[in-house]
C-alpha atoms as a PDB file:
ATOM      1  CA  MET A   1     103.352 102.292 -27.754  1.00  0.00           C
ATOM      2  CA  HIS A   2     102.445 100.504 -30.980  1.00  0.00           C
ATOM      3  CA  LEU A   3     102.223  96.731 -30.736  1.00  0.00           C
ATOM      4  CA  PRO A   4     103.020  94.606 -33.804  1.00  0.00           C
ATOM      5  CA  LEU A   5     100.245  92.579 -35.391  1.00  0.00           C
ATOM      6  CA  ILE A   6     100.609  89.098 -36.849  1.00  0.00           C
ATOM      7  CA  GLY A   7      97.757  88.517 -39.272  1.00  0.00           C
ATOM      8  CA  ARG A   8      94.635  89.348 -37.273  1.00  0.00           C
ATOM      9  CA  ARG A   9      96.192  88.523 -33.922  1.00  0.00           C
ATOM     10  CA  ARG A  10      98.622  90.438 -31.811  1.00  0.00           C
ATOM     11  CA  ALA A  11     102.009  88.970 -31.082  1.00  0.00           C
ATOM     12  CA  PRO A  12     101.994  86.782 -27.899  1.00  0.00           C
ATOM     13  CA  GLN A  13     104.251  89.188 -26.009  1.00  0.00           C
ATOM     14  CA  ALA A  14     101.769  91.986 -26.720  1.00  0.00           C
ATOM     15  CA  ARG A  15      98.967  90.049 -24.991  1.00  0.00           C
ATOM     16  CA  VAL A  16     101.192  89.424 -21.959  1.00  0.00           C
ATOM     17  CA  LEU A  17     101.933  93.150 -21.687  1.00  0.00           C
ATOM     18  CA  GLU A  18      98.204  93.923 -21.764  1.00  0.00           C
ATOM     19  CA  VAL A  19      97.418  91.437 -18.996  1.00  0.00           C
ATOM     20  CA  ARG A  20     100.199  92.750 -16.778  1.00  0.00           C
ATOM     21  CA  ALA A  21      99.076  96.330 -17.295  1.00  0.00           C
ATOM     22  CA  GLU A  22      95.499  95.550 -16.209  1.00  0.00           C
ATOM     23  CA  ALA A  23      95.889  92.972 -13.440  1.00  0.00           C
ATOM     24  CA  PRO A  24      97.383  93.841 -10.050  1.00  0.00           C
ATOM     25  CA  THR A  25     100.568  92.013  -9.177  1.00  0.00           C
ATOM     26  CA  THR A  26     100.857  89.621  -6.244  1.00  0.00           C
ATOM     27  CA  ARG A  27     102.988  92.217  -4.469  1.00  0.00           C
ATOM     28  CA  GLU A  28     100.315  94.898  -4.920  1.00  0.00           C
ATOM     29  CA  LEU A  29      97.647  92.563  -3.528  1.00  0.00           C
ATOM     30  CA  LEU A  30      99.833  91.704  -0.539  1.00  0.00           C
ATOM     31  CA  VAL A  31     100.609  95.369   0.171  1.00  0.00           C
ATOM     32  CA  GLU A  32      96.894  96.283   0.040  1.00  0.00           C
ATOM     33  CA  SER A  33      96.057  93.421   2.405  1.00  0.00           C
ATOM     34  CA  ILE A  34      98.724  94.526   4.877  1.00  0.00           C
ATOM     35  CA  ARG A  35      97.566  98.153   4.673  1.00  0.00           C
ATOM     36  CA  ALA A  36      93.968  97.129   5.357  1.00  0.00           C
ATOM     37  CA  ARG A  37      94.973  95.090   8.426  1.00  0.00           C
ATOM     38  CA  GLU A  38      97.220  97.899   9.644  1.00  0.00           C
ATOM     39  CA  SER A  39      94.409 100.416   9.231  1.00  0.00           C
ATOM     40  CA  ALA A  40      92.001  98.205  11.203  1.00  0.00           C
ATOM     41  CA  ALA A  41      94.580  97.691  13.953  1.00  0.00           C
ATOM     42  CA  LEU A  42      95.223 101.437  14.212  1.00  0.00           C
ATOM     43  CA  GLY A  43      91.479 102.053  14.319  1.00  0.00           C
ATOM     44  CA  ASP A  44      91.113  99.509  17.119  1.00  0.00           C
ATOM     45  CA  LEU A  45      93.953 101.132  19.036  1.00  0.00           C
ATOM     46  CA  GLY A  46      92.365 104.543  18.644  1.00  0.00           C
ATOM     47  CA  ALA A  47      88.974 103.179  19.697  1.00  0.00           C
ATOM     48  CA  ALA A  48      90.436 101.497  22.771  1.00  0.00           C
ATOM     49  CA  ALA A  49      92.187 104.723  23.746  1.00  0.00           C
ATOM     50  CA  GLY A  50      89.008 106.734  23.193  1.00  0.00           C
ATOM     51  CA  GLY A  51      86.596 104.259  24.785  1.00  0.00           C
ATOM     52  CA  ARG A  52      84.722 103.563  21.514  1.00  0.00           C
ATOM     53  CA  ALA A  53      83.711 100.235  19.947  1.00  0.00           C
ATOM     54  CA  LEU A  54      86.498  98.369  18.158  1.00  0.00           C
ATOM     55  CA  CYS A  55      86.584  98.802  14.354  1.00  0.00           C
ATOM     56  CA  SER A  56      87.323  95.147  13.646  1.00  0.00           C
ATOM     57  CA  LEU A  57      84.180  94.063  15.531  1.00  0.00           C
ATOM     58  CA  SER A  58      81.774  96.412  13.751  1.00  0.00           C
END
């Protein structure tokens, strides 16, 4: 995708597109946080069932 240039600077909308492409969205951060907690909880459940130390405490 070719972005238009204005003088030496890129158009403002072009900079916004670049930032959005590089930075994770709030939704992505929330999903990763939930997945991490879910993974720890499943690990703790497995540890409790197997008599091992809990993942969230180590």
